[in-house]
ModelCIF file with pLDDT and N, C-alpha, C, O atoms, coordinates in Angstrom:
data_MODEL
#
_entry.id   MODEL 
#
_entity.id                         1 
_entity.type                       polymer 
_entity.pdbx_number_of_molecules   1 
#
_entity_poly.entity_id                      1 
_entity_poly.type                           'polypeptide(L)' 
_entity_poly.nstd_linkage                   no 
_entity_poly.nstd_monomer                   no 
_entity_poly.pdbx_seq_one_letter_code       ELHVRDATIQKAGGIDHRGKYLGLTETNTATKNGFSTGLSYIKELG 
_entity_poly.pdbx_seq_one_letter_code_can   ELHVRDATIQKAGGIDHRGKYLGLTETNTATKNGFSTGLSYIKELG 
_entity_poly.pdbx_strand_id                 A 
#
loop_
_entity_poly_seq.entity_id 
_entity_poly_seq.num 
_entity_poly_seq.mon_id 
_entity_poly_seq.hetero 
1 1  GLU n 
1 2  LEU n 
1 3  HIS n 
1 4  VAL n 
1 5  ARG n 
1 6  ASP n 
1 7  ALA n 
1 8  THR n 
1 9  ILE n 
1 10 GLN n 
1 11 LYS n 
1 12 ALA n 
1 13 GLY n 
1 14 GLY n 
1 15 ILE n 
1 16 ASP n 
1 17 HIS n 
1 18 ARG n 
1 19 GLY n 
1 20 LYS n 
1 21 TYR n 
1 22 LEU n 
1 23 GLY n 
1 24 LEU n 
1 25 THR n 
1 26 GLU n 
1 27 THR n 
1 28 ASN n 
1 29 THR n 
1 30 ALA n 
1 31 THR n 
1 32 LYS n 
1 33 ASN n 
1 34 GLY n 
1 35 PHE n 
1 36 SER n 
1 37 THR n 
1 38 GLY n 
1 39 LEU n 
1 40 SER n 
1 41 TYR n 
1 42 ILE n 
1 43 LYS n 
1 44 GLU n 
1 45 LEU n 
1 46 GLY n 
#
_struct_asym.id          A 
_struct_asym.entity_id   1 
#
loop_
_ma_qa_metric.id 
_ma_qa_metric.mode 
_ma_qa_metric.name 
_ma_qa_metric.software_group_id 
_ma_qa_metric.type 
1 global pLDDT . pLDDT 
2 local  pLDDT . pLDDT 
#
_ma_qa_metric_global.metric_id      1 
_ma_qa_metric_global.metric_value   98.00 
_ma_qa_metric_global.model_id       1 
_ma_qa_metric_global.ordinal_id     1 
#
loop_
_ma_qa_metric_local.label_asym_id 
_ma_qa_metric_local.label_comp_id 
_ma_qa_metric_local.label_seq_id 
_ma_qa_metric_local.metric_id 
_ma_qa_metric_local.metric_value 
_ma_qa_metric_local.model_id 
_ma_qa_metric_local.ordinal_id 
A GLU 1  2 98.00 1 1  
A LEU 2  2 98.00 1 2  
A HIS 3  2 98.00 1 3  
A VAL 4  2 98.00 1 4  
A ARG 5  2 98.00 1 5  
A ASP 6  2 98.00 1 6  
A ALA 7  2 98.00 1 7  
A THR 8  2 98.00 1 8  
A ILE 9  2 98.00 1 9  
A GLN 10 2 98.00 1 10 
A LYS 11 2 98.00 1 11 
A ALA 12 2 98.00 1 12 
A GLY 13 2 98.00 1 13 
A GLY 14 2 98.00 1 14 
A ILE 15 2 98.00 1 15 
A ASP 16 2 98.00 1 16 
A HIS 17 2 98.00 1 17 
A ARG 18 2 98.00 1 18 
A GLY 19 2 98.00 1 19 
A LYS 20 2 98.00 1 20 
A TYR 21 2 98.00 1 21 
A LEU 22 2 98.00 1 22 
A GLY 23 2 98.00 1 23 
A LEU 24 2 98.00 1 24 
A THR 25 2 98.00 1 25 
A GLU 26 2 98.00 1 26 
A THR 27 2 98.00 1 27 
A ASN 28 2 98.00 1 28 
A THR 29 2 98.00 1 29 
A ALA 30 2 98.00 1 30 
A THR 31 2 98.00 1 31 
A LYS 32 2 98.00 1 32 
A ASN 33 2 98.00 1 33 
A GLY 34 2 98.00 1 34 
A PHE 35 2 98.00 1 35 
A SER 36 2 98.00 1 36 
A THR 37 2 98.00 1 37 
A GLY 38 2 98.00 1 38 
A LEU 39 2 98.00 1 39 
A SER 40 2 98.00 1 40 
A TYR 41 2 98.00 1 41 
A ILE 42 2 98.00 1 42 
A LYS 43 2 98.00 1 43 
A GLU 44 2 98.00 1 44 
A LEU 45 2 98.00 1 45 
A GLY 46 2 98.00 1 46 
#
loop_
_atom_site.group_PDB 
_atom_site.id 
_atom_site.type_symbol 
_atom_site.label_atom_id 
_atom_site.label_alt_id 
_atom_site.label_comp_id 
_atom_site.label_asym_id 
_atom_site.label_entity_id 
_atom_site.label_seq_id 
_atom_site.pdbx_PDB_ins_code 
_atom_site.Cartn_x 
_atom_site.Cartn_y 
_atom_site.Cartn_z 
_atom_site.occupancy 
_atom_site.B_iso_or_equiv 
_atom_site.pdbx_formal_charge 
_atom_site.auth_seq_id 
_atom_site.auth_comp_id 
_atom_site.auth_asym_id 
_atom_site.auth_atom_id 
_atom_site.pdbx_PDB_model_num 
ATOM 1   N N  . GLU A 1 1  ? -5.400  11.740  -5.650  1.00 98.00 ? 1  GLU A N  1 
ATOM 2   C CA . GLU A 1 1  ? -4.220  12.443  -5.195  1.00 98.00 ? 1  GLU A CA 1 
ATOM 3   C C  . GLU A 1 1  ? -3.528  11.678  -4.072  1.00 98.00 ? 1  GLU A C  1 
ATOM 4   O O  . GLU A 1 1  ? -4.149  11.291  -3.082  1.00 98.00 ? 1  GLU A O  1 
ATOM 5   N N  . LEU A 1 2  ? -2.198  11.466  -4.256  1.00 98.00 ? 2  LEU A N  1 
ATOM 6   C CA . LEU A 1 2  ? -1.475  10.568  -3.399  1.00 98.00 ? 2  LEU A CA 1 
ATOM 7   C C  . LEU A 1 2  ? -0.101  11.147  -3.034  1.00 98.00 ? 2  LEU A C  1 
ATOM 8   O O  . LEU A 1 2  ? 0.525   11.831  -3.844  1.00 98.00 ? 2  LEU A O  1 
ATOM 9   N N  . HIS A 1 3  ? 0.353   10.870  -1.826  1.00 98.00 ? 3  HIS A N  1 
ATOM 10  C CA . HIS A 1 3  ? 1.689   11.207  -1.363  1.00 98.00 ? 3  HIS A CA 1 
ATOM 11  C C  . HIS A 1 3  ? 2.440   9.902   -1.157  1.00 98.00 ? 3  HIS A C  1 
ATOM 12  O O  . HIS A 1 3  ? 1.945   9.015   -0.461  1.00 98.00 ? 3  HIS A O  1 
ATOM 13  N N  . VAL A 1 4  ? 3.624   9.762   -1.747  1.00 98.00 ? 4  VAL A N  1 
ATOM 14  C CA . VAL A 1 4  ? 4.354   8.501   -1.729  1.00 98.00 ? 4  VAL A CA 1 
ATOM 15  C C  . VAL A 1 4  ? 4.479   7.953   -0.306  1.00 98.00 ? 4  VAL A C  1 
ATOM 16  O O  . VAL A 1 4  ? 4.188   6.783   -0.055  1.00 98.00 ? 4  VAL A O  1 
ATOM 17  N N  . ARG A 1 5  ? 4.901   8.786   0.595   1.00 98.00 ? 5  ARG A N  1 
ATOM 18  C CA . ARG A 1 5  ? 5.139   8.337   1.974   1.00 98.00 ? 5  ARG A CA 1 
ATOM 19  C C  . ARG A 1 5  ? 3.845   8.058   2.690   1.00 98.00 ? 5  ARG A C  1 
ATOM 20  O O  . ARG A 1 5  ? 3.720   7.042   3.373   1.00 98.00 ? 5  ARG A O  1 
ATOM 21  N N  . ASP A 1 6  ? 2.871   8.946   2.546   1.00 98.00 ? 6  ASP A N  1 
ATOM 22  C CA . ASP A 1 6  ? 1.574   8.738   3.226   1.00 98.00 ? 6  ASP A CA 1 
ATOM 23  C C  . ASP A 1 6  ? 0.988   7.381   2.866   1.00 98.00 ? 6  ASP A C  1 
ATOM 24  O O  . ASP A 1 6  ? 0.441   6.682   3.719   1.00 98.00 ? 6  ASP A O  1 
ATOM 25  N N  . ALA A 1 7  ? 1.110   7.017   1.591   1.00 98.00 ? 7  ALA A N  1 
ATOM 26  C CA . ALA A 1 7  ? 0.422   5.844   1.076   1.00 98.00 ? 7  ALA A CA 1 
ATOM 27  C C  . ALA A 1 7  ? 0.973   4.535   1.630   1.00 98.00 ? 7  ALA A C  1 
ATOM 28  O O  . ALA A 1 7  ? 0.261   3.532   1.678   1.00 98.00 ? 7  ALA A O  1 
ATOM 29  N N  . THR A 1 8  ? 2.241   4.540   2.048   1.00 98.00 ? 8  THR A N  1 
ATOM 30  C CA . THR A 1 8  ? 2.881   3.263   2.346   1.00 98.00 ? 8  THR A CA 1 
ATOM 31  C C  . THR A 1 8  ? 3.528   3.188   3.729   1.00 98.00 ? 8  THR A C  1 
ATOM 32  O O  . THR A 1 8  ? 4.092   2.152   4.080   1.00 98.00 ? 8  THR A O  1 
ATOM 33  N N  . ILE A 1 9  ? 3.463   4.257   4.520   1.00 98.00 ? 9  ILE A N  1 
ATOM 34  C CA . ILE A 1 9  ? 4.251   4.306   5.749   1.00 98.00 ? 9  ILE A CA 1 
ATOM 35  C C  . ILE A 1 9  ? 3.647   3.531   6.922   1.00 98.00 ? 9  ILE A C  1 
ATOM 36  O O  . ILE A 1 9  ? 4.372   3.073   7.805   1.00 98.00 ? 9  ILE A O  1 
ATOM 37  N N  . GLN A 1 10 ? 2.330   3.386   6.930   1.00 98.00 ? 10 GLN A N  1 
ATOM 38  C CA . GLN A 1 10 ? 1.721   2.730   8.106   1.00 98.00 ? 10 GLN A CA 1 
ATOM 39  C C  . GLN A 1 10 ? 1.958   1.212   8.074   1.00 98.00 ? 10 GLN A C  1 
ATOM 40  O O  . GLN A 1 10 ? 1.746   0.552   7.057   1.00 98.00 ? 10 GLN A O  1 
ATOM 41  N N  . LYS A 1 11 ? 2.386   0.703   9.178   1.00 98.00 ? 11 LYS A N  1 
ATOM 42  C CA . LYS A 1 11 ? 2.723   -0.716  9.282   1.00 98.00 ? 11 LYS A CA 1 
ATOM 43  C C  . LYS A 1 11 ? 1.513   -1.610  9.004   1.00 98.00 ? 11 LYS A C  1 
ATOM 44  O O  . LYS A 1 11 ? 1.654   -2.706  8.462   1.00 98.00 ? 11 LYS A O  1 
ATOM 45  N N  . ALA A 1 12 ? 0.324   -1.134  9.380   1.00 98.00 ? 12 ALA A N  1 
ATOM 46  C CA . ALA A 1 12 ? -0.890  -1.916  9.183   1.00 98.00 ? 12 ALA A CA 1 
ATOM 47  C C  . ALA A 1 12 ? -1.179  -2.182  7.711   1.00 98.00 ? 12 ALA A C  1 
ATOM 48  O O  . ALA A 1 12 ? -1.977  -3.062  7.388   1.00 98.00 ? 12 ALA A O  1 
ATOM 49  N N  . GLY A 1 13 ? -0.534  -1.424  6.806   1.00 98.00 ? 13 GLY A N  1 
ATOM 50  C CA . GLY A 1 13 ? -0.767  -1.631  5.397   1.00 98.00 ? 13 GLY A CA 1 
ATOM 51  C C  . GLY A 1 13 ? -0.100  -2.873  4.833   1.00 98.00 ? 13 GLY A C  1 
ATOM 52  O O  . GLY A 1 13 ? -0.367  -3.247  3.691   1.00 98.00 ? 13 GLY A O  1 
ATOM 53  N N  . GLY A 1 14 ? 0.759   -3.516  5.605   1.00 98.00 ? 14 GLY A N  1 
ATOM 54  C CA . GLY A 1 14 ? 1.384   -4.743  5.138   1.00 98.00 ? 14 GLY A CA 1 
ATOM 55  C C  . GLY A 1 14 ? 2.364   -4.533  3.993   1.00 98.00 ? 14 GLY A C  1 
ATOM 56  O O  . GLY A 1 14 ? 2.621   -5.457  3.221   1.00 98.00 ? 14 GLY A O  1 
ATOM 57  N N  . ILE A 1 15 ? 2.905   -3.347  3.878   1.00 98.00 ? 15 ILE A N  1 
ATOM 58  C CA . ILE A 1 15 ? 3.826   -3.015  2.798   1.00 98.00 ? 15 ILE A CA 1 
ATOM 59  C C  . ILE A 1 15 ? 5.248   -3.099  3.327   1.00 98.00 ? 15 ILE A C  1 
ATOM 60  O O  . ILE A 1 15 ? 5.540   -2.595  4.411   1.00 98.00 ? 15 ILE A O  1 
ATOM 61  N N  . ASP A 1 16 ? 6.131   -3.732  2.569   1.00 98.00 ? 16 ASP A N  1 
ATOM 62  C CA . ASP A 1 16 ? 7.507   -3.917  3.019   1.00 98.00 ? 16 ASP A CA 1 
ATOM 63  C C  . ASP A 1 16 ? 8.326   -2.642  2.942   1.00 98.00 ? 16 ASP A C  1 
ATOM 64  O O  . ASP A 1 16 ? 8.987   -2.266  3.910   1.00 98.00 ? 16 ASP A O  1 
ATOM 65  N N  . HIS A 1 17 ? 8.286   -1.973  1.792   1.00 98.00 ? 17 HIS A N  1 
ATOM 66  C CA . HIS A 1 17 ? 9.094   -0.781  1.587   1.00 98.00 ? 17 HIS A CA 1 
ATOM 67  C C  . HIS A 1 17 ? 8.274   0.463   2.016   1.00 98.00 ? 17 HIS A C  1 
ATOM 68  O O  . HIS A 1 17 ? 7.799   1.240   1.188   1.00 98.00 ? 17 HIS A O  1 
ATOM 69  N N  . ARG A 1 18 ? 8.141   0.602   3.303   1.00 98.00 ? 18 ARG A N  1 
ATOM 70  C CA . ARG A 1 18 ? 7.275   1.657   3.811   1.00 98.00 ? 18 ARG A CA 1 
ATOM 71  C C  . ARG A 1 18 ? 7.883   3.039   3.588   1.00 98.00 ? 18 ARG A C  1 
ATOM 72  O O  . ARG A 1 18 ? 9.054   3.264   3.893   1.00 98.00 ? 18 ARG A O  1 
ATOM 73  N N  . GLY A 1 19 ? 7.088   3.958   3.059   1.00 98.00 ? 19 GLY A N  1 
ATOM 74  C CA . GLY A 1 19 ? 7.530   5.325   2.823   1.00 98.00 ? 19 GLY A CA 1 
ATOM 75  C C  . GLY A 1 19 ? 8.420   5.486   1.603   1.00 98.00 ? 19 GLY A C  1 
ATOM 76  O O  . GLY A 1 19 ? 9.063   6.524   1.450   1.00 98.00 ? 19 GLY A O  1 
ATOM 77  N N  . LYS A 1 20 ? 8.474   4.495   0.739   1.00 98.00 ? 20 LYS A N  1 
ATOM 78  C CA . LYS A 1 20 ? 9.400   4.488   -0.384  1.00 98.00 ? 20 LYS A CA 1 
ATOM 79  C C  . LYS A 1 20 ? 8.676   4.342   -1.721  1.00 98.00 ? 20 LYS A C  1 
ATOM 80  O O  . LYS A 1 20 ? 7.521   3.922   -1.786  1.00 98.00 ? 20 LYS A O  1 
ATOM 81  N N  . TYR A 1 21 ? 9.400   4.707   -2.790  1.00 98.00 ? 21 TYR A N  1 
ATOM 82  C CA . TYR A 1 21 ? 8.865   4.490   -4.137  1.00 98.00 ? 21 TYR A CA 1 
ATOM 83  C C  . TYR A 1 21 ? 8.482   3.019   -4.292  1.00 98.00 ? 21 TYR A C  1 
ATOM 84  O O  . TYR A 1 21 ? 7.419   2.704   -4.826  1.00 98.00 ? 21 TYR A O  1 
ATOM 85  N N  . LEU A 1 22 ? 9.353   2.120   -3.823  1.00 98.00 ? 22 LEU A N  1 
ATOM 86  C CA . LEU A 1 22 ? 9.108   0.691   -4.045  1.00 98.00 ? 22 LEU A CA 1 
ATOM 87  C C  . LEU A 1 22 ? 7.870   0.207   -3.295  1.00 98.00 ? 22 LEU A C  1 
ATOM 88  O O  . LEU A 1 22 ? 7.284   -0.810  -3.667  1.00 98.00 ? 22 LEU A O  1 
ATOM 89  N N  . GLY A 1 23 ? 7.470   0.912   -2.258  1.00 98.00 ? 23 GLY A N  1 
ATOM 90  C CA . GLY A 1 23 ? 6.240   0.518   -1.559  1.00 98.00 ? 23 GLY A CA 1 
ATOM 91  C C  . GLY A 1 23 ? 5.044   0.555   -2.480  1.00 98.00 ? 23 GLY A C  1 
ATOM 92  O O  . GLY A 1 23 ? 4.100   -0.215  -2.303  1.00 98.00 ? 23 GLY A O  1 
ATOM 93  N N  . LEU A 1 24 ? 5.067   1.442   -3.463  1.00 98.00 ? 24 LEU A N  1 
ATOM 94  C CA . LEU A 1 24 ? 3.969   1.545   -4.417  1.00 98.00 ? 24 LEU A CA 1 
ATOM 95  C C  . LEU A 1 24 ? 4.173   0.664   -5.647  1.00 98.00 ? 24 LEU A C  1 
ATOM 96  O O  . LEU A 1 24 ? 3.452   0.795   -6.637  1.00 98.00 ? 24 LEU A O  1 
ATOM 97  N N  . THR A 1 25 ? 5.150   -0.224  -5.582  1.00 98.00 ? 25 THR A N  1 
ATOM 98  C CA . THR A 1 25 ? 5.295   -1.249  -6.634  1.00 98.00 ? 25 THR A CA 1 
ATOM 99  C C  . THR A 1 25 ? 4.784   -2.595  -6.150  1.00 98.00 ? 25 THR A C  1 
ATOM 100 O O  . THR A 1 25 ? 4.542   -3.495  -6.955  1.00 98.00 ? 25 THR A O  1 
ATOM 101 N N  . GLU A 1 26 ? 4.620   -2.739  -4.841  1.00 98.00 ? 26 GLU A N  1 
ATOM 102 C CA . GLU A 1 26 ? 4.222   -4.025  -4.277  1.00 98.00 ? 26 GLU A CA 1 
ATOM 103 C C  . GLU A 1 26 ? 2.752   -4.321  -4.576  1.00 98.00 ? 26 GLU A C  1 
ATOM 104 O O  . GLU A 1 26 ? 1.885   -3.457  -4.446  1.00 98.00 ? 26 GLU A O  1 
ATOM 105 N N  . THR A 1 27 ? 2.505   -5.540  -4.972  1.00 98.00 ? 27 THR A N  1 
ATOM 106 C CA . THR A 1 27 ? 1.124   -5.958  -5.282  1.00 98.00 ? 27 THR A CA 1 
ATOM 107 C C  . THR A 1 27 ? 0.634   -6.950  -4.232  1.00 98.00 ? 27 THR A C  1 
ATOM 108 O O  . THR A 1 27 ? 1.417   -7.581  -3.523  1.00 98.00 ? 27 THR A O  1 
ATOM 109 N N  . ASN A 1 28 ? -0.676  -7.063  -4.161  1.00 98.00 ? 28 ASN A N  1 
ATOM 110 C CA . ASN A 1 28 ? -1.329  -8.010  -3.249  1.00 98.00 ? 28 ASN A CA 1 
ATOM 111 C C  . ASN A 1 28 ? -0.992  -7.738  -1.783  1.00 98.00 ? 28 ASN A C  1 
ATOM 112 O O  . ASN A 1 28 ? -0.952  -8.660  -0.968  1.00 98.00 ? 28 ASN A O  1 
ATOM 113 N N  . THR A 1 29 ? -0.749  -6.468  -1.455  1.00 98.00 ? 29 THR A N  1 
ATOM 114 C CA . THR A 1 29 ? -0.540  -6.120  -0.062  1.00 98.00 ? 29 THR A CA 1 
ATOM 115 C C  . THR A 1 29 ? -1.910  -5.987  0.624   1.00 98.00 ? 29 THR A C  1 
ATOM 116 O O  . THR A 1 29 ? -2.907  -5.664  -0.021  1.00 98.00 ? 29 THR A O  1 
ATOM 117 N N  . ALA A 1 30 ? -1.939  -6.238  1.920   1.00 98.00 ? 30 ALA A N  1 
ATOM 118 C CA . ALA A 1 30 ? -3.234  -6.243  2.631   1.00 98.00 ? 30 ALA A CA 1 
ATOM 119 C C  . ALA A 1 30 ? -3.022  -6.051  4.109   1.00 98.00 ? 30 ALA A C  1 
ATOM 120 O O  . ALA A 1 30 ? -1.917  -6.214  4.627   1.00 98.00 ? 30 ALA A O  1 
ATOM 121 N N  . THR A 1 31 ? -4.115  -5.696  4.787   1.00 98.00 ? 31 THR A N  1 
ATOM 122 C CA . THR A 1 31 ? -4.096  -5.656  6.238   1.00 98.00 ? 31 THR A CA 1 
ATOM 123 C C  . THR A 1 31 ? -4.110  -7.092  6.777   1.00 98.00 ? 31 THR A C  1 
ATOM 124 O O  . THR A 1 31 ? -4.247  -8.041  6.006   1.00 98.00 ? 31 THR A O  1 
ATOM 125 N N  . LYS A 1 32 ? -3.972  -7.248  8.079   1.00 98.00 ? 32 LYS A N  1 
ATOM 126 C CA . LYS A 1 32 ? -3.955  -8.591  8.657   1.00 98.00 ? 32 LYS A CA 1 
ATOM 127 C C  . LYS A 1 32 ? -5.248  -9.338  8.381   1.00 98.00 ? 32 LYS A C  1 
ATOM 128 O O  . LYS A 1 32 ? -5.263  -10.569 8.343   1.00 98.00 ? 32 LYS A O  1 
ATOM 129 N N  . ASN A 1 33 ? -6.331  -8.600  8.189   1.00 98.00 ? 33 ASN A N  1 
ATOM 130 C CA . ASN A 1 33 ? -7.630  -9.229  7.936   1.00 98.00 ? 33 ASN A CA 1 
ATOM 131 C C  . ASN A 1 33 ? -7.940  -9.372  6.441   1.00 98.00 ? 33 ASN A C  1 
ATOM 132 O O  . ASN A 1 33 ? -9.063  -9.703  6.060   1.00 98.00 ? 33 ASN A O  1 
ATOM 133 N N  . GLY A 1 34 ? -6.922  -9.114  5.596   1.00 98.00 ? 34 GLY A N  1 
ATOM 134 C CA . GLY A 1 34 ? -7.060  -9.390  4.192   1.00 98.00 ? 34 GLY A CA 1 
ATOM 135 C C  . GLY A 1 34 ? -7.649  -8.280  3.346   1.00 98.00 ? 34 GLY A C  1 
ATOM 136 O O  . GLY A 1 34 ? -8.009  -8.524  2.195   1.00 98.00 ? 34 GLY A O  1 
ATOM 137 N N  . PHE A 1 35 ? -7.760  -7.073  3.872   1.00 98.00 ? 35 PHE A N  1 
ATOM 138 C CA . PHE A 1 35 ? -8.278  -5.958  3.082   1.00 98.00 ? 35 PHE A CA 1 
ATOM 139 C C  . PHE A 1 35 ? -7.122  -5.322  2.301   1.00 98.00 ? 35 PHE A C  1 
ATOM 140 O O  . PHE A 1 35 ? -6.072  -5.014  2.865   1.00 98.00 ? 35 PHE A O  1 
ATOM 141 N N  . SER A 1 36 ? -7.328  -5.135  1.021   1.00 98.00 ? 36 SER A N  1 
ATOM 142 C CA . SER A 1 36 ? -6.255  -4.653  0.142   1.00 98.00 ? 36 SER A CA 1 
ATOM 143 C C  . SER A 1 36 ? -5.740  -3.286  0.554   1.00 98.00 ? 36 SER A C  1 
ATOM 144 O O  . SER A 1 36 ? -6.477  -2.467  1.103   1.00 98.00 ? 36 SER A O  1 
ATOM 145 N N  . THR A 1 37 ? -4.457  -3.053  0.281   1.00 98.00 ? 37 THR A N  1 
ATOM 146 C CA . THR A 1 37 ? -3.811  -1.785  0.578   1.00 98.00 ? 37 THR A CA 1 
ATOM 147 C C  . THR A 1 37 ? -2.913  -1.395  -0.584  1.00 98.00 ? 37 THR A C  1 
ATOM 148 O O  . THR A 1 37 ? -2.739  -2.160  -1.533  1.00 98.00 ? 37 THR A O  1 
ATOM 149 N N  . GLY A 1 38 ? -2.343  -0.194  -0.502  1.00 98.00 ? 38 GLY A N  1 
ATOM 150 C CA . GLY A 1 38 ? -1.356  0.226   -1.476  1.00 98.00 ? 38 GLY A CA 1 
ATOM 151 C C  . GLY A 1 38 ? -1.829  0.200   -2.912  1.00 98.00 ? 38 GLY A C  1 
ATOM 152 O O  . GLY A 1 38 ? -2.973  0.537   -3.218  1.00 98.00 ? 38 GLY A O  1 
ATOM 153 N N  . LEU A 1 39 ? -0.917  -0.212  -3.792  1.00 98.00 ? 39 LEU A N  1 
ATOM 154 C CA . LEU A 1 39 ? -1.207  -0.227  -5.219  1.00 98.00 ? 39 LEU A CA 1 
ATOM 155 C C  . LEU A 1 39 ? -2.412  -1.084  -5.550  1.00 98.00 ? 39 LEU A C  1 
ATOM 156 O O  . LEU A 1 39 ? -3.233  -0.704  -6.385  1.00 98.00 ? 39 LEU A O  1 
ATOM 157 N N  . SER A 1 40 ? -2.528  -2.227  -4.909  1.00 98.00 ? 40 SER A N  1 
ATOM 158 C CA . SER A 1 40 ? -3.653  -3.134  -5.197  1.00 98.00 ? 40 SER A CA 1 
ATOM 159 C C  . SER A 1 40 ? -4.972  -2.474  -4.850  1.00 98.00 ? 40 SER A C  1 
ATOM 160 O O  . SER A 1 40 ? -5.947  -2.602  -5.591  1.00 98.00 ? 40 SER A O  1 
ATOM 161 N N  . TYR A 1 41 ? -5.010  -1.770  -3.733  1.00 98.00 ? 41 TYR A N  1 
ATOM 162 C CA . TYR A 1 41 ? -6.246  -1.070  -3.332  1.00 98.00 ? 41 TYR A CA 1 
ATOM 163 C C  . TYR A 1 41 ? -6.601  0.007   -4.345  1.00 98.00 ? 41 TYR A C  1 
ATOM 164 O O  . TYR A 1 41 ? -7.754  0.115   -4.760  1.00 98.00 ? 41 TYR A O  1 
ATOM 165 N N  . ILE A 1 42 ? -5.615  0.803   -4.744  1.00 98.00 ? 42 ILE A N  1 
ATOM 166 C CA . ILE A 1 42 ? -5.872  1.884   -5.687  1.00 98.00 ? 42 ILE A CA 1 
ATOM 167 C C  . ILE A 1 42 ? -6.413  1.347   -7.006  1.00 98.00 ? 42 ILE A C  1 
ATOM 168 O O  . ILE A 1 42 ? -7.322  1.928   -7.599  1.00 98.00 ? 42 ILE A O  1 
ATOM 169 N N  . LYS A 1 43 ? -5.851  0.245   -7.453  1.00 98.00 ? 43 LYS A N  1 
ATOM 170 C CA . LYS A 1 43 ? -6.340  -0.385  -8.684  1.00 98.00 ? 43 LYS A CA 1 
ATOM 171 C C  . LYS A 1 43 ? -7.782  -0.851  -8.527  1.00 98.00 ? 43 LYS A C  1 
ATOM 172 O O  . LYS A 1 43 ? -8.609  -0.636  -9.413  1.00 98.00 ? 43 LYS A O  1 
ATOM 173 N N  . GLU A 1 44 ? -8.080  -1.487  -7.403  1.00 98.00 ? 44 GLU A N  1 
ATOM 174 C CA . GLU A 1 44 ? -9.437  -1.971  -7.138  1.00 98.00 ? 44 GLU A CA 1 
ATOM 175 C C  . GLU A 1 44 ? -10.461 -0.828  -7.078  1.00 98.00 ? 44 GLU A C  1 
ATOM 176 O O  . GLU A 1 44 ? -11.601 -0.976  -7.518  1.00 98.00 ? 44 GLU A O  1 
ATOM 177 N N  . LEU A 1 45 ? -10.035 0.295   -6.532  1.00 98.00 ? 45 LEU A N  1 
ATOM 178 C CA . LEU A 1 45 ? -10.945 1.451   -6.397  1.00 98.00 ? 45 LEU A CA 1 
ATOM 179 C C  . LEU A 1 45 ? -11.436 1.903   -7.762  1.00 98.00 ? 45 LEU A C  1 
ATOM 180 O O  . LEU A 1 45 ? -12.605 2.255   -7.918  1.00 98.00 ? 45 LEU A O  1 
ATOM 181 N N  . GLY A 1 46 ? -10.558 1.896   -8.744  1.00 98.00 ? 46 GLY A N  1 
ATOM 182 C CA . GLY A 1 46 ? -10.997 2.157   -10.113 1.00 98.00 ? 46 GLY A CA 1 
ATOM 183 C C  . GLY A 1 46 ? -10.608 3.506   -10.688 1.00 98.00 ? 46 GLY A C  1 
ATOM 184 O O  . GLY A 1 46 ? -10.938 3.807   -11.835 1.00 98.00 ? 46 GLY A O  1 
#
């Protein structure tokens, strides 16, 4: 269960379109230390 804005709004997520539909289209997003975020993280989770 996901909320569009919740998923992408935090700056630490490394997502450009924060709080937007397009934020959940971005791939290979990550924290500064390289941990996956956003769509890529959800896909990895399974």
